[in-house]
Amino acid sequence: MAIALIILLPLLLWLGITVLWIGAGLFAGTFVYFFLLYLLGIPLLAAAGGIAVALMIWAALLR
């Protein structure tokens, strides 16, 4: 069991780091999208877009 864990540890670390970077990128993208719409004077559309993108991100991550 310990040998299997030692062999799989780099893979698990790589997957974890990859998921963290994907999550950070999606969060940053959502924030920029929301901020640009808010700056353009469309706060309601910005809020709706931000919520929709956040829901799509969670749906993709929990799939």
Protein backbone atom coordinates (compact mmCIF):
# COMPACT_ATOMS: atom_id res chain seq x y z
CA MET A 1 0.00 0.00 0.00
CA ALA A 2 2.80 2.43 0.91
CA ILE A 3 4.61 1.71 -2.35
CA ALA A 4 1.47 2.45 -4.37
CA LEU A 5 1.03 5.72 -2.46
CA ILE A 6 4.64 6.72 -3.12
CA ILE A 7 4.21 5.96 -6.82
CA LEU A 8 0.88 7.82 -7.07
CA LEU A 9 1.90 10.82 -4.95
CA PRO A 10 3.51 12.84 -7.80
CA LEU A 11 0.46 12.21 -9.99
CA LEU A 12 -1.92 13.28 -7.23
CA LEU A 13 0.13 16.41 -6.52
CA TRP A 14 0.23 17.28 -10.22
CA LEU A 15 -3.53 16.83 -10.56
CA GLY A 16 -4.17 18.92 -7.45
CA ILE A 17 -1.94 21.76 -8.64
CA THR A 18 -3.53 21.62 -12.10
CA VAL A 19 -7.04 21.84 -10.63
CA LEU A 20 -5.98 24.77 -8.43
CA TRP A 21 -4.57 26.67 -11.42
CA ILE A 22 -7.69 25.97 -13.51
CA GLY A 23 -9.86 27.19 -10.65
CA ALA A 24 -7.77 30.35 -10.21
CA GLY A 25 -7.92 31.06 -13.94
CA LEU A 26 -11.67 30.59 -14.09
CA PHE A 27 -12.17 32.82 -11.04
CA ALA A 28 -9.99 35.55 -12.56
CA GLY A 29 -11.84 35.29 -15.87
CA THR A 30 -15.20 35.57 -14.13
CA PHE A 31 -14.04 38.61 -12.17
CA VAL A 32 -12.73 40.39 -15.29
CA TYR A 33 -15.98 39.64 -17.16
CA PHE A 34 -18.06 40.99 -14.28
CA PHE A 35 -15.82 44.05 -13.82
CA LEU A 36 -15.89 45.01 -17.51
CA LEU A 37 -19.67 44.79 -17.69
CA TYR A 38 -19.95 46.81 -14.48
CA LEU A 39 -17.64 49.49 -15.89
CA LEU A 40 -19.75 49.65 -19.04
CA GLY A 41 -22.71 50.62 -16.85
CA ILE A 42 -24.62 47.36 -17.05
CA PRO A 43 -24.56 46.17 -13.42
CA LEU A 44 -27.63 43.92 -13.70
CA LEU A 45 -26.22 42.10 -16.72
CA ALA A 46 -22.85 41.93 -14.97
CA ALA A 47 -24.41 40.30 -11.91
CA ALA A 48 -26.40 37.84 -14.03
CA GLY A 49 -23.34 37.01 -16.12
CA GLY A 50 -21.15 36.55 -13.06
CA ILE A 51 -23.66 34.20 -11.43
CA ALA A 52 -24.14 32.23 -14.65
CA VAL A 53 -20.40 31.80 -15.19
CA ALA A 54 -19.88 30.79 -11.55
CA LEU A 55 -22.63 28.17 -11.86
CA MET A 56 -21.10 26.80 -15.07
CA ILE A 57 -17.68 26.59 -13.39
CA TRP A 58 -19.08 24.68 -10.40
CA ALA A 59 -21.09 22.40 -12.68
CA ALA A 60 -17.95 21.60 -14.67
CA LEU A 61 -15.84 21.02 -11.56
CA LEU A 62 -18.44 18.82 -9.85
CA ARG A 63 -19.22 16.80 -12.98
